[in-house]
Amino acid sequence: VMKKSLKERNFIPHRKQSKFLNIDNISKKLLIYILYGMWDSDGY
């Protein structure tokens, strides 16, 4: 079930295949928190 939810957000098995995160139907006030998660994982 969780895999299906993530695949609908453009999660893919191999990051070399470039697909950006699907942020449809996510309120603008929550988009900054998506960026916070990105900053923590792939940022410094």
PDB file of all heavy atoms in Angstrom:
ATOM      1  N   VAL A   1       0.831  -1.199   0.000  1.00  0.00           N
ATOM      2  CA  VAL A   1       0.000   0.000   0.000  1.00  0.00           C
ATOM      3  C   VAL A   1       0.872   1.257   0.000  1.00  0.00           C
ATOM      4  O   VAL A   1       0.644   2.199  -0.774  1.00  0.00           O
ATOM      5  CB  VAL A   1      -0.946   0.006   1.217  1.00  0.00           C
ATOM      6  CG1 VAL A   1      -1.700   1.336   1.301  1.00  0.00           C
ATOM      7  CG2 VAL A   1      -1.932  -1.158   1.113  1.00  0.00           C
ATOM      8  N   MET A   2       1.891   1.283   0.848  1.00  0.00           N
ATOM      9  CA  MET A   2       2.763   2.449   0.908  1.00  0.00           C
ATOM     10  C   MET A   2       3.552   2.608  -0.376  1.00  0.00           C
ATOM     11  O   MET A   2       3.761   3.732  -0.853  1.00  0.00           O
ATOM     12  CB  MET A   2       3.704   2.372   2.110  1.00  0.00           C
ATOM     13  CG  MET A   2       4.532   3.639   2.306  1.00  0.00           C
ATOM     14  SD  MET A   2       5.507   3.629   3.823  1.00  0.00           S
ATOM     15  CE  MET A   2       4.192   3.757   5.052  1.00  0.00           C
ATOM     16  N   LYS A   3       4.001   1.494  -0.936  1.00  0.00           N
ATOM     17  CA  LYS A   3       4.725   1.574  -2.205  1.00  0.00           C
ATOM     18  C   LYS A   3       3.849   2.236  -3.278  1.00  0.00           C
ATOM     19  O   LYS A   3       4.318   3.092  -4.029  1.00  0.00           O
ATOM     20  CB  LYS A   3       5.150   0.195  -2.678  1.00  0.00           C
ATOM     21  CG  LYS A   3       5.796   0.213  -4.053  1.00  0.00           C
ATOM     22  CD  LYS A   3       5.951  -1.174  -4.643  1.00  0.00           C
ATOM     23  CE  LYS A   3       6.402  -1.091  -6.093  1.00  0.00           C
ATOM     24  NZ  LYS A   3       6.536  -2.408  -6.731  1.00  0.00           N
ATOM     25  N   LYS A   4       2.572   1.874  -3.337  1.00  0.00           N
ATOM     26  CA  LYS A   4       1.660   2.452  -4.322  1.00  0.00           C
ATOM     27  C   LYS A   4       1.551   3.966  -4.129  1.00  0.00           C
ATOM     28  O   LYS A   4       1.591   4.736  -5.096  1.00  0.00           O
ATOM     29  CB  LYS A   4       0.286   1.800  -4.219  1.00  0.00           C
ATOM     30  CG  LYS A   4      -0.744   2.313  -5.222  1.00  0.00           C
ATOM     31  CD  LYS A   4      -2.051   1.537  -5.097  1.00  0.00           C
ATOM     32  CE  LYS A   4      -3.075   2.012  -6.118  1.00  0.00           C
ATOM     33  NZ  LYS A   4      -3.520   3.402  -5.889  1.00  0.00           N
ATOM     34  N   SER A   5       1.432   4.402  -2.877  1.00  0.00           N
ATOM     35  CA  SER A   5       1.330   5.837  -2.589  1.00  0.00           C
ATOM     36  C   SER A   5       2.582   6.576  -3.040  1.00  0.00           C
ATOM     37  O   SER A   5       2.504   7.667  -3.610  1.00  0.00           O
ATOM     38  CB  SER A   5       1.114   6.059  -1.090  1.00  0.00           C
ATOM     39  OG  SER A   5      -0.124   5.527  -0.663  1.00  0.00           O
ATOM     40  N   LEU A   6       3.746   5.986  -2.802  1.00  0.00           N
ATOM     41  CA  LEU A   6       5.006   6.630  -3.166  1.00  0.00           C
ATOM     42  C   LEU A   6       5.228   6.615  -4.672  1.00  0.00           C
ATOM     43  O   LEU A   6       5.742   7.583  -5.240  1.00  0.00           O
ATOM     44  CB  LEU A   6       6.169   5.952  -2.444  1.00  0.00           C
ATOM     45  CG  LEU A   6       6.185   6.142  -0.918  1.00  0.00           C
ATOM     46  CD1 LEU A   6       7.299   5.312  -0.287  1.00  0.00           C
ATOM     47  CD2 LEU A   6       6.353   7.611  -0.548  1.00  0.00           C
ATOM     48  N   LYS A   7       4.832   5.542  -5.322  1.00  0.00           N
ATOM     49  CA  LYS A   7       4.981   5.480  -6.784  1.00  0.00           C
ATOM     50  C   LYS A   7       4.128   6.556  -7.458  1.00  0.00           C
ATOM     51  O   LYS A   7       4.514   7.120  -8.488  1.00  0.00           O
ATOM     52  CB  LYS A   7       4.578   4.096  -7.310  1.00  0.00           C
ATOM     53  CG  LYS A   7       5.446   2.956  -6.820  1.00  0.00           C
ATOM     54  CD  LYS A   7       6.775   2.897  -7.524  1.00  0.00           C
ATOM     55  CE  LYS A   7       6.666   2.180  -8.839  1.00  0.00           C
ATOM     56  NZ  LYS A   7       8.009   1.963  -9.442  1.00  0.00           N
ATOM     57  N   GLU A   8       2.978   6.852  -6.869  1.00  0.00           N
ATOM     58  CA  GLU A   8       2.123   7.903  -7.418  1.00  0.00           C
ATOM     59  C   GLU A   8       2.756   9.283  -7.270  1.00  0.00           C
ATOM     60  O   GLU A   8       2.354  10.228  -7.936  1.00  0.00           O
ATOM     61  CB  GLU A   8       0.755   7.865  -6.729  1.00  0.00           C
ATOM     62  CG  GLU A   8      -0.072   6.642  -7.125  1.00  0.00           C
ATOM     63  CD  GLU A   8      -1.360   6.520  -6.327  1.00  0.00           C
ATOM     64  OE1 GLU A   8      -1.529   7.293  -5.351  1.00  0.00           O
ATOM     65  OE2 GLU A   8      -2.180   5.646  -6.661  1.00  0.00           O
ATOM     66  N   ARG A   9       3.761   9.365  -6.399  1.00  0.00           N
ATOM     67  CA  ARG A   9       4.510  10.613  -6.215  1.00  0.00           C
ATOM     68  C   ARG A   9       5.799  10.615  -7.033  1.00  0.00           C
ATOM     69  O   ARG A   9       6.693  11.420  -6.814  1.00  0.00           O
ATOM     70  CB  ARG A   9       4.835  10.811  -4.728  1.00  0.00           C
ATOM     71  CG  ARG A   9       3.613  11.065  -3.854  1.00  0.00           C
ATOM     72  CD  ARG A   9       3.086  12.445  -4.067  1.00  0.00           C
ATOM     73  NE  ARG A   9       1.841  12.690  -3.305  1.00  0.00           N
ATOM     74  CZ  ARG A   9       1.093  13.773  -3.463  1.00  0.00           C
ATOM     75  NH1 ARG A   9       1.450  14.706  -4.320  1.00  0.00           N
ATOM     76  NH2 ARG A   9      -0.005  13.926  -2.771  1.00  0.00           N
ATOM     77  N   ASN A  10       5.920   9.672  -7.962  1.00  0.00           N
ATOM     78  CA  ASN A  10       7.065   9.564  -8.874  1.00  0.00           C
ATOM     79  C   ASN A  10       8.309   8.955  -8.242  1.00  0.00           C
ATOM     80  O   ASN A  10       9.425   9.171  -8.725  1.00  0.00           O
ATOM     81  CB  ASN A  10       7.427  10.917  -9.504  1.00  0.00           C
ATOM     82  CG  ASN A  10       6.460  11.327 -10.589  1.00  0.00           C
ATOM     83  OD1 ASN A  10       5.693  10.508 -11.080  1.00  0.00           O
ATOM     84  ND2 ASN A  10       6.484  12.591 -10.976  1.00  0.00           N
ATOM     85  N   PHE A  11       8.145   8.186  -7.165  1.00  0.00           N
ATOM     86  CA  PHE A  11       9.293   7.469  -6.626  1.00  0.00           C
ATOM     87  C   PHE A  11       9.650   6.344  -7.590  1.00  0.00           C
ATOM     88  O   PHE A  11       8.783   5.632  -8.081  1.00  0.00           O
ATOM     89  CB  PHE A  11       8.976   6.877  -5.251  1.00  0.00           C
ATOM     90  CG  PHE A  11       9.140   7.855  -4.134  1.00  0.00           C
ATOM     91  CD1 PHE A  11       8.230   8.885  -3.955  1.00  0.00           C
ATOM     92  CD2 PHE A  11      10.212   7.772  -3.265  1.00  0.00           C
ATOM     93  CE1 PHE A  11       8.372   9.806  -2.928  1.00  0.00           C
ATOM     94  CE2 PHE A  11      10.373   8.687  -2.232  1.00  0.00           C
ATOM     95  CZ  PHE A  11       9.452   9.703  -2.063  1.00  0.00           C
ATOM     96  N   ILE A  12      10.944   6.191  -7.853  1.00  0.00           N
ATOM     97  CA  ILE A  12      11.417   5.198  -8.805  1.00  0.00           C
ATOM     98  C   ILE A  12      12.546   4.385  -8.178  1.00  0.00           C
ATOM     99  O   ILE A  12      13.231   4.851  -7.266  1.00  0.00           O
ATOM    100  CB  ILE A  12      11.915   5.865 -10.105  1.00  0.00           C
ATOM    101  CG1 ILE A  12      12.969   6.933  -9.795  1.00  0.00           C
ATOM    102  CG2 ILE A  12      10.757   6.481 -10.882  1.00  0.00           C
ATOM    103  CD1 ILE A  12      13.541   7.619 -10.999  1.00  0.00           C
ATOM    104  N   PRO A  13      12.743   3.147  -8.660  1.00  0.00           N
ATOM    105  CA  PRO A  13      13.774   2.281  -8.076  1.00  0.00           C
ATOM    106  C   PRO A  13      15.187   2.809  -8.249  1.00  0.00           C
ATOM    107  O   PRO A  13      16.028   2.634  -7.378  1.00  0.00           O
ATOM    108  CB  PRO A  13      13.596   0.957  -8.816  1.00  0.00           C
ATOM    109  CG  PRO A  13      12.222   1.008  -9.378  1.00  0.00           C
ATOM    110  CD  PRO A  13      11.948   2.448  -9.662  1.00  0.00           C
ATOM    111  N   HIS A  14      15.461   3.444  -9.386  1.00  0.00           N
ATOM    112  CA  HIS A  14      16.822   3.877  -9.667  1.00  0.00           C
ATOM    113  C   HIS A  14      16.846   5.383  -9.876  1.00  0.00           C
ATOM    114  O   HIS A  14      16.178   5.904 -10.757  1.00  0.00           O
ATOM    115  CB  HIS A  14      17.363   3.175 -10.908  1.00  0.00           C
ATOM    116  CG  HIS A  14      17.261   1.690 -10.841  1.00  0.00           C
ATOM    117  ND1 HIS A  14      18.041   0.934  -9.990  1.00  0.00           N
ATOM    118  CD2 HIS A  14      16.456   0.816 -11.505  1.00  0.00           C
ATOM    119  CE1 HIS A  14      17.728  -0.335 -10.138  1.00  0.00           C
ATOM    120  NE2 HIS A  14      16.778  -0.434 -11.036  1.00  0.00           N
ATOM    121  N   ARG A  15      17.625   6.095  -9.050  1.00  0.00           N
ATOM    122  CA  ARG A  15      17.621   7.549  -9.108  1.00  0.00           C
ATOM    123  C   ARG A  15      18.227   8.087 -10.397  1.00  0.00           C
ATOM    124  O   ARG A  15      18.069   9.243 -10.723  1.00  0.00           O
ATOM    125  CB  ARG A  15      18.366   8.122  -7.899  1.00  0.00           C
ATOM    126  CG  ARG A  15      17.676   7.786  -6.585  1.00  0.00           C
ATOM    127  CD  ARG A  15      18.307   8.493  -5.432  1.00  0.00           C
ATOM    128  NE  ARG A  15      18.116   9.924  -5.532  1.00  0.00           N
ATOM    129  CZ  ARG A  15      18.870  10.809  -4.889  1.00  0.00           C
ATOM    130  NH1 ARG A  15      19.849  10.401  -4.132  1.00  0.00           N
ATOM    131  NH2 ARG A  15      18.639  12.096  -5.005  1.00  0.00           N
ATOM    132  N   LYS A  16      18.936   7.240 -11.138  1.00  0.00           N
ATOM    133  CA  LYS A  16      19.474   7.669 -12.434  1.00  0.00           C
ATOM    134  C   LYS A  16      18.325   7.991 -13.398  1.00  0.00           C
ATOM    135  O   LYS A  16      18.469   8.774 -14.320  1.00  0.00           O
ATOM    136  CB  LYS A  16      20.344   6.562 -13.036  1.00  0.00           C
ATOM    137  CG  LYS A  16      21.617   6.276 -12.252  1.00  0.00           C
ATOM    138  CD  LYS A  16      22.648   7.357 -12.431  1.00  0.00           C
ATOM    139  CE  LYS A  16      23.961   6.988 -11.776  1.00  0.00           C
ATOM    140  NZ  LYS A  16      24.973   8.047 -11.902  1.00  0.00           N
ATOM    141  N   GLN A  17      17.180   7.321 -13.186  1.00  0.00           N
ATOM    142  CA  GLN A  17      16.003   7.637 -13.988  1.00  0.00           C
ATOM    143  C   GLN A  17      15.383   8.892 -13.372  1.00  0.00           C
ATOM    144  O   GLN A  17      14.874   8.848 -12.274  1.00  0.00           O
ATOM    145  CB  GLN A  17      15.009   6.481 -13.951  1.00  0.00           C
ATOM    146  CG  GLN A  17      15.578   5.146 -14.388  1.00  0.00           C
ATOM    147  CD  GLN A  17      14.631   4.014 -14.093  1.00  0.00           C
ATOM    148  OE1 GLN A  17      13.432   4.229 -13.964  1.00  0.00           O
ATOM    149  NE2 GLN A  17      15.155   2.811 -13.976  1.00  0.00           N
ATOM    150  N   SER A  18      15.446   9.975 -14.074  1.00  0.00           N
ATOM    151  CA  SER A  18      15.103  11.258 -13.470  1.00  0.00           C
ATOM    152  C   SER A  18      13.610  11.563 -13.552  1.00  0.00           C
ATOM    153  O   SER A  18      13.057  11.758 -14.621  1.00  0.00           O
ATOM    154  CB  SER A  18      15.899  12.380 -14.141  1.00  0.00           C
ATOM    155  OG  SER A  18      17.274  12.194 -13.926  1.00  0.00           O
ATOM    156  N   LYS A  19      12.992  11.587 -12.397  1.00  0.00           N
ATOM    157  CA  LYS A  19      11.618  12.041 -12.270  1.00  0.00           C
ATOM    158  C   LYS A  19      11.539  12.891 -11.016  1.00  0.00           C
ATOM    159  O   LYS A  19      11.964  12.467  -9.946  1.00  0.00           O
ATOM    160  CB  LYS A  19      10.639  10.863 -12.152  1.00  0.00           C
ATOM    161  CG  LYS A  19      10.290  10.191 -13.464  1.00  0.00           C
ATOM    162  CD  LYS A  19       9.135   9.223 -13.259  1.00  0.00           C
ATOM    163  CE  LYS A  19       8.681   8.612 -14.573  1.00  0.00           C
ATOM    164  NZ  LYS A  19       7.517   7.716 -14.386  1.00  0.00           N
ATOM    165  N   PHE A  20      11.001  14.092 -11.159  1.00  0.00           N
ATOM    166  CA  PHE A  20      10.903  14.951  -9.987  1.00  0.00           C
ATOM    167  C   PHE A  20       9.687  14.543  -9.156  1.00  0.00           C
ATOM    168  O   PHE A  20       8.713  13.995  -9.666  1.00  0.00           O
ATOM    169  CB  PHE A  20      10.784  16.415 -10.401  1.00  0.00           C
ATOM    170  CG  PHE A  20      11.027  17.380  -9.276  1.00  0.00           C
ATOM    171  CD1 PHE A  20      12.304  17.565  -8.783  1.00  0.00           C
ATOM    172  CD2 PHE A  20       9.983  18.102  -8.711  1.00  0.00           C
ATOM    173  CE1 PHE A  20      12.553  18.458  -7.742  1.00  0.00           C
ATOM    174  CE2 PHE A  20      10.213  18.985  -7.671  1.00  0.00           C
ATOM    175  CZ  PHE A  20      11.501  19.169  -7.191  1.00  0.00           C
ATOM    176  N   LEU A  21       9.773  14.808  -7.880  1.00  0.00           N
ATOM    177  CA  LEU A  21       8.692  14.484  -6.958  1.00  0.00           C
ATOM    178  C   LEU A  21       7.374  15.116  -7.409  1.00  0.00           C
ATOM    179  O   LEU A  21       7.321  16.298  -7.726  1.00  0.00           O
ATOM    180  CB  LEU A  21       9.054  14.991  -5.562  1.00  0.00           C
ATOM    181  CG  LEU A  21       8.057  14.737  -4.442  1.00  0.00           C
ATOM    182  CD1 LEU A  21       7.953  13.242  -4.163  1.00  0.00           C
ATOM    183  CD2 LEU A  21       8.486  15.485  -3.182  1.00  0.00           C
ATOM    184  N   ASN A  22       6.326  14.325  -7.436  1.00  0.00           N
ATOM    185  CA  ASN A  22       4.994  14.813  -7.777  1.00  0.00           C
ATOM    186  C   ASN A  22       4.407  15.509  -6.549  1.00  0.00           C
ATOM    187  O   ASN A  22       4.103  14.856  -5.547  1.00  0.00           O
ATOM    188  CB  ASN A  22       4.124  13.640  -8.216  1.00  0.00           C
ATOM    189  CG  ASN A  22       2.683  14.036  -8.496  1.00  0.00           C
ATOM    190  OD1 ASN A  22       2.333  15.214  -8.457  1.00  0.00           O
ATOM    191  ND2 ASN A  22       1.838  13.073  -8.774  1.00  0.00           N
ATOM    192  N   ILE A  23       4.239  16.836  -6.632  1.00  0.00           N
ATOM    193  CA  ILE A  23       3.722  17.594  -5.486  1.00  0.00           C
ATOM    194  C   ILE A  23       2.287  18.055  -5.711  1.00  0.00           C
ATOM    195  O   ILE A  23       1.810  18.972  -5.039  1.00  0.00           O
ATOM    196  CB  ILE A  23       4.635  18.793  -5.169  1.00  0.00           C
ATOM    197  CG1 ILE A  23       4.801  19.702  -6.391  1.00  0.00           C
ATOM    198  CG2 ILE A  23       5.989  18.316  -4.663  1.00  0.00           C
ATOM    199  CD1 ILE A  23       5.628  20.952  -6.116  1.00  0.00           C
ATOM    200  N   ASP A  24       1.591  17.408  -6.638  1.00  0.00           N
ATOM    201  CA  ASP A  24       0.181  17.737  -6.867  1.00  0.00           C
ATOM    202  C   ASP A  24      -0.637  17.502  -5.599  1.00  0.00           C
ATOM    203  O   ASP A  24      -0.374  16.572  -4.832  1.00  0.00           O
ATOM    204  CB  ASP A  24      -0.389  16.875  -7.994  1.00  0.00           C
ATOM    205  CG  ASP A  24       0.188  17.235  -9.352  1.00  0.00           C
ATOM    206  OD1 ASP A  24       0.834  18.286  -9.454  1.00  0.00           O
ATOM    207  OD2 ASP A  24      -0.005  16.444 -10.303  1.00  0.00           O
ATOM    208  N   ASN A  25      -1.626  18.342  -5.397  1.00  0.00           N
ATOM    209  CA  ASN A  25      -2.567  18.203  -4.271  1.00  0.00           C
ATOM    210  C   ASN A  25      -1.891  18.327  -2.907  1.00  0.00           C
ATOM    211  O   ASN A  25      -2.407  17.813  -1.912  1.00  0.00           O
ATOM    212  CB  ASN A  25      -3.318  16.870  -4.353  1.00  0.00           C
ATOM    213  CG  ASN A  25      -4.071  16.714  -5.654  1.00  0.00           C
ATOM    214  OD1 ASN A  25      -4.712  17.654  -6.121  1.00  0.00           O
ATOM    215  ND2 ASN A  25      -3.972  15.535  -6.264  1.00  0.00           N
ATOM    216  N   ILE A  26      -0.759  19.008  -2.861  1.00  0.00           N
ATOM    217  CA  ILE A  26      -0.109  19.304  -1.588  1.00  0.00           C
ATOM    218  C   ILE A  26      -0.171  20.819  -1.401  1.00  0.00           C
ATOM    219  O   ILE A  26       0.231  21.578  -2.285  1.00  0.00           O
ATOM    220  CB  ILE A  26       1.353  18.826  -1.565  1.00  0.00           C
ATOM    221  CG1 ILE A  26       1.410  17.301  -1.738  1.00  0.00           C
ATOM    222  CG2 ILE A  26       2.033  19.222  -0.254  1.00  0.00           C
ATOM    223  CD1 ILE A  26       2.820  16.739  -1.792  1.00  0.00           C
ATOM    224  N   SER A  27      -0.683  21.253  -0.263  1.00  0.00           N
ATOM    225  CA  SER A  27      -0.865  22.688  -0.042  1.00  0.00           C
ATOM    226  C   SER A  27       0.476  23.414  -0.024  1.00  0.00           C
ATOM    227  O   SER A  27       1.503  22.852   0.375  1.00  0.00           O
ATOM    228  CB  SER A  27      -1.602  22.932   1.279  1.00  0.00           C
ATOM    229  OG  SER A  27      -0.790  22.575   2.379  1.00  0.00           O
ATOM    230  N   LYS A  28       0.451  24.672  -0.450  1.00  0.00           N
ATOM    231  CA  LYS A  28       1.684  25.452  -0.525  1.00  0.00           C
ATOM    232  C   LYS A  28       2.359  25.580   0.830  1.00  0.00           C
ATOM    233  O   LYS A  28       3.596  25.572   0.929  1.00  0.00           O
ATOM    234  CB  LYS A  28       1.388  26.841  -1.101  1.00  0.00           C
ATOM    235  CG  LYS A  28       2.640  27.671  -1.320  1.00  0.00           C
ATOM    236  CD  LYS A  28       2.336  29.004  -1.994  1.00  0.00           C
ATOM    237  CE  LYS A  28       3.611  29.815  -2.208  1.00  0.00           C
ATOM    238  NZ  LYS A  28       3.343  31.102  -2.883  1.00  0.00           N
ATOM    239  N   LYS A  29       1.581  25.651   1.891  1.00  0.00           N
ATOM    240  CA  LYS A  29       2.186  25.826   3.216  1.00  0.00           C
ATOM    241  C   LYS A  29       2.971  24.595   3.653  1.00  0.00           C
ATOM    242  O   LYS A  29       3.827  24.691   4.552  1.00  0.00           O
ATOM    243  CB  LYS A  29       1.111  26.160   4.259  1.00  0.00           C
ATOM    244  CG  LYS A  29       0.178  25.008   4.594  1.00  0.00           C
ATOM    245  CD  LYS A  29      -0.805  25.402   5.690  1.00  0.00           C
ATOM    246  CE  LYS A  29      -1.706  24.245   6.088  1.00  0.00           C
ATOM    247  NZ  LYS A  29      -2.640  24.611   7.165  1.00  0.00           N
ATOM    248  N   LEU A  30       2.703  23.444   3.011  1.00  0.00           N
ATOM    249  CA  LEU A  30       3.440  22.226   3.350  1.00  0.00           C
ATOM    250  C   LEU A  30       4.626  21.986   2.428  1.00  0.00           C
ATOM    251  O   LEU A  30       5.500  21.165   2.736  1.00  0.00           O
ATOM    252  CB  LEU A  30       2.512  21.005   3.314  1.00  0.00           C
ATOM    253  CG  LEU A  30       1.421  20.955   4.387  1.00  0.00           C
ATOM    254  CD1 LEU A  30       0.566  19.708   4.213  1.00  0.00           C
ATOM    255  CD2 LEU A  30       2.034  20.983   5.786  1.00  0.00           C
ATOM    256  N   LEU A  31       4.683  22.702   1.303  1.00  0.00           N
ATOM    257  CA  LEU A  31       5.783  22.497   0.367  1.00  0.00           C
ATOM    258  C   LEU A  31       7.136  22.829   0.995  1.00  0.00           C
ATOM    259  O   LEU A  31       8.144  22.184   0.699  1.00  0.00           O
ATOM    260  CB  LEU A  31       5.580  23.350  -0.886  1.00  0.00           C
ATOM    261  CG  LEU A  31       4.424  22.948  -1.815  1.00  0.00           C
ATOM    262  CD1 LEU A  31       4.389  23.873  -3.034  1.00  0.00           C
ATOM    263  CD2 LEU A  31       4.556  21.488  -2.260  1.00  0.00           C
ATOM    264  N   ILE A  32       7.164  23.820   1.877  1.00  0.00           N
ATOM    265  CA  ILE A  32       8.422  24.188   2.512  1.00  0.00           C
ATOM    266  C   ILE A  32       8.944  23.035   3.366  1.00  0.00           C
ATOM    267  O   ILE A  32      10.166  22.839   3.502  1.00  0.00           O
ATOM    268  CB  ILE A  32       8.268  25.478   3.356  1.00  0.00           C
ATOM    269  CG1 ILE A  32       9.623  25.956   3.879  1.00  0.00           C
ATOM    270  CG2 ILE A  32       7.284  25.259   4.503  1.00  0.00           C
ATOM    271  CD1 ILE A  32      10.591  26.347   2.808  1.00  0.00           C
ATOM    272  N   TYR A  33       8.047  22.229   3.929  1.00  0.00           N
ATOM    273  CA  TYR A  33       8.472  21.095   4.756  1.00  0.00           C
ATOM    274  C   TYR A  33       9.040  19.968   3.888  1.00  0.00           C
ATOM    275  O   TYR A  33       9.922  19.223   4.330  1.00  0.00           O
ATOM    276  CB  TYR A  33       7.326  20.605   5.641  1.00  0.00           C
ATOM    277  CG  TYR A  33       6.989  21.613   6.706  1.00  0.00           C
ATOM    278  CD1 TYR A  33       6.043  22.610   6.478  1.00  0.00           C
ATOM    279  CD2 TYR A  33       7.658  21.615   7.930  1.00  0.00           C
ATOM    280  CE1 TYR A  33       5.762  23.575   7.436  1.00  0.00           C
ATOM    281  CE2 TYR A  33       7.379  22.571   8.895  1.00  0.00           C
ATOM    282  CZ  TYR A  33       6.438  23.546   8.650  1.00  0.00           C
ATOM    283  OH  TYR A  33       6.176  24.507   9.607  1.00  0.00           O
ATOM    284  N   ILE A  34       8.543  19.847   2.661  1.00  0.00           N
ATOM    285  CA  ILE A  34       9.168  18.923   1.710  1.00  0.00           C
ATOM    286  C   ILE A  34      10.605  19.362   1.459  1.00  0.00           C
ATOM    287  O   ILE A  34      11.531  18.543   1.456  1.00  0.00           O
ATOM    288  CB  ILE A  34       8.372  18.879   0.393  1.00  0.00           C
ATOM    289  CG1 ILE A  34       7.032  18.169   0.609  1.00  0.00           C
ATOM    290  CG2 ILE A  34       9.175  18.169  -0.703  1.00  0.00           C
ATOM    291  CD1 ILE A  34       6.142  18.142  -0.623  1.00  0.00           C
ATOM    292  N   LEU A  35      10.799  20.672   1.284  1.00  0.00           N
ATOM    293  CA  LEU A  35      12.139  21.190   1.059  1.00  0.00           C
ATOM    294  C   LEU A  35      13.020  20.976   2.286  1.00  0.00           C
ATOM    295  O   LEU A  35      14.210  20.644   2.158  1.00  0.00           O
ATOM    296  CB  LEU A  35      12.079  22.674   0.704  1.00  0.00           C
ATOM    297  CG  LEU A  35      13.405  23.332   0.307  1.00  0.00           C
ATOM    298  CD1 LEU A  35      14.024  22.616  -0.889  1.00  0.00           C
ATOM    299  CD2 LEU A  35      13.195  24.810  -0.015  1.00  0.00           C
ATOM    300  N   TYR A  36      12.466  21.137   3.485  1.00  0.00           N
ATOM    301  CA  TYR A  36      13.238  20.874   4.698  1.00  0.00           C
ATOM    302  C   TYR A  36      13.755  19.430   4.706  1.00  0.00           C
ATOM    303  O   TYR A  36      14.895  19.167   5.089  1.00  0.00           O
ATOM    304  CB  TYR A  36      12.384  21.099   5.948  1.00  0.00           C
ATOM    305  CG  TYR A  36      12.005  22.532   6.224  1.00  0.00           C
ATOM    306  CD1 TYR A  36      10.882  22.825   7.008  1.00  0.00           C
ATOM    307  CD2 TYR A  36      12.746  23.594   5.722  1.00  0.00           C
ATOM    308  CE1 TYR A  36      10.516  24.133   7.285  1.00  0.00           C
ATOM    309  CE2 TYR A  36      12.380  24.912   5.989  1.00  0.00           C
ATOM    310  CZ  TYR A  36      11.265  25.170   6.771  1.00  0.00           C
ATOM    311  OH  TYR A  36      10.903  26.475   7.038  1.00  0.00           O
ATOM    312  N   GLY A  37      12.889  18.495   4.311  1.00  0.00           N
ATOM    313  CA  GLY A  37      13.310  17.097   4.245  1.00  0.00           C
ATOM    314  C   GLY A  37      14.413  16.888   3.226  1.00  0.00           C
ATOM    315  O   GLY A  37      15.361  16.125   3.455  1.00  0.00           O
ATOM    316  N   MET A  38      14.304  17.569   2.093  1.00  0.00           N
ATOM    317  CA  MET A  38      15.355  17.482   1.065  1.00  0.00           C
ATOM    318  C   MET A  38      16.655  18.080   1.581  1.00  0.00           C
ATOM    319  O   MET A  38      17.740  17.530   1.346  1.00  0.00           O
ATOM    320  CB  MET A  38      14.897  18.218  -0.196  1.00  0.00           C
ATOM    321  CG  MET A  38      13.752  17.543  -0.934  1.00  0.00           C
ATOM    322  SD  MET A  38      13.182  18.561  -2.334  1.00  0.00           S
ATOM    323  CE  MET A  38      12.101  17.405  -3.175  1.00  0.00           C
ATOM    324  N   TRP A  39      16.560  19.237   2.271  1.00  0.00           N
ATOM    325  CA  TRP A  39      17.766  19.850   2.832  1.00  0.00           C
ATOM    326  C   TRP A  39      18.453  18.909   3.810  1.00  0.00           C
ATOM    327  O   TRP A  39      19.683  18.818   3.839  1.00  0.00           O
ATOM    328  CB  TRP A  39      17.401  21.155   3.552  1.00  0.00           C
ATOM    329  CG  TRP A  39      17.190  22.321   2.630  1.00  0.00           C
ATOM    330  CD1 TRP A  39      17.452  22.383   1.289  1.00  0.00           C
ATOM    331  CD2 TRP A  39      16.668  23.607   2.989  1.00  0.00           C
ATOM    332  NE1 TRP A  39      17.118  23.629   0.785  1.00  0.00           N
ATOM    333  CE2 TRP A  39      16.642  24.392   1.797  1.00  0.00           C
ATOM    334  CE3 TRP A  39      16.211  24.171   4.169  1.00  0.00           C
ATOM    335  CZ2 TRP A  39      16.192  25.718   1.779  1.00  0.00           C
ATOM    336  CZ3 TRP A  39      15.754  25.484   4.153  1.00  0.00           C
ATOM    337  CH2 TRP A  39      15.746  26.249   2.974  1.00  0.00           C
ATOM    338  N   ASP A  40      17.681  18.204   4.627  1.00  0.00           N
ATOM    339  CA  ASP A  40      18.276  17.292   5.599  1.00  0.00           C
ATOM    340  C   ASP A  40      18.923  16.080   4.941  1.00  0.00           C
ATOM    341  O   ASP A  40      19.943  15.583   5.417  1.00  0.00           O
ATOM    342  CB  ASP A  40      17.214  16.813   6.601  1.00  0.00           C
ATOM    343  CG  ASP A  40      17.206  17.637   7.886  1.00  0.00           C
ATOM    344  OD1 ASP A  40      17.960  18.620   7.968  1.00  0.00           O
ATOM    345  OD2 ASP A  40      16.444  17.280   8.805  1.00  0.00           O
ATOM    346  N   SER A  41      18.325  15.575   3.870  1.00  0.00           N
ATOM    347  CA  SER A  41      18.827  14.338   3.270  1.00  0.00           C
ATOM    348  C   SER A  41      19.920  14.567   2.239  1.00  0.00           C
ATOM    349  O   SER A  41      20.973  13.928   2.276  1.00  0.00           O
ATOM    350  CB  SER A  41      17.674  13.547   2.639  1.00  0.00           C
ATOM    351  OG  SER A  41      16.996  14.337   1.675  1.00  0.00           O
ATOM    352  N   ASP A  42      19.719  15.484   1.308  1.00  0.00           N
ATOM    353  CA  ASP A  42      20.676  15.706   0.222  1.00  0.00           C
ATOM    354  C   ASP A  42      21.342  17.070   0.295  1.00  0.00           C
ATOM    355  O   ASP A  42      21.961  17.509  -0.662  1.00  0.00           O
ATOM    356  CB  ASP A  42      19.974  15.571  -1.146  1.00  0.00           C
ATOM    357  CG  ASP A  42      20.497  14.383  -1.927  1.00  0.00           C
ATOM    358  OD1 ASP A  42      21.285  13.602  -1.353  1.00  0.00           O
ATOM    359  OD2 ASP A  42      20.128  14.234  -3.096  1.00  0.00           O
ATOM    360  N   GLY A  43      21.214  17.727   1.414  1.00  0.00           N
ATOM    361  CA  GLY A  43      21.793  19.059   1.548  1.00  0.00           C
ATOM    362  C   GLY A  43      22.731  19.135   2.734  1.00  0.00           C
ATOM    363  O   GLY A  43      22.908  18.179   3.479  1.00  0.00           O
ATOM    364  N   TYR A  44      23.344  20.292   2.895  1.00  0.00           N
ATOM    365  CA  TYR A  44      24.174  20.532   4.071  1.00  0.00           C
ATOM    366  C   TYR A  44      24.295  22.029   4.308  1.00  0.00           C
ATOM    367  O   TYR A  44      24.110  22.835   3.400  1.00  0.00           O
ATOM    368  CB  TYR A  44      25.551  19.882   3.936  1.00  0.00           C
ATOM    369  CG  TYR A  44      26.410  20.439   2.824  1.00  0.00           C
ATOM    370  CD1 TYR A  44      27.347  21.441   3.072  1.00  0.00           C
ATOM    371  CD2 TYR A  44      26.304  19.940   1.528  1.00  0.00           C
ATOM    372  CE1 TYR A  44      28.149  21.943   2.062  1.00  0.00           C
ATOM    373  CE2 TYR A  44      27.105  20.442   0.507  1.00  0.00           C
ATOM    374  CZ  TYR A  44      28.033  21.443   0.784  1.00  0.00           C
ATOM    375  OH  TYR A  44      28.811  21.937  -0.230  1.00  0.00           O
TER     376      TYR A  44
END
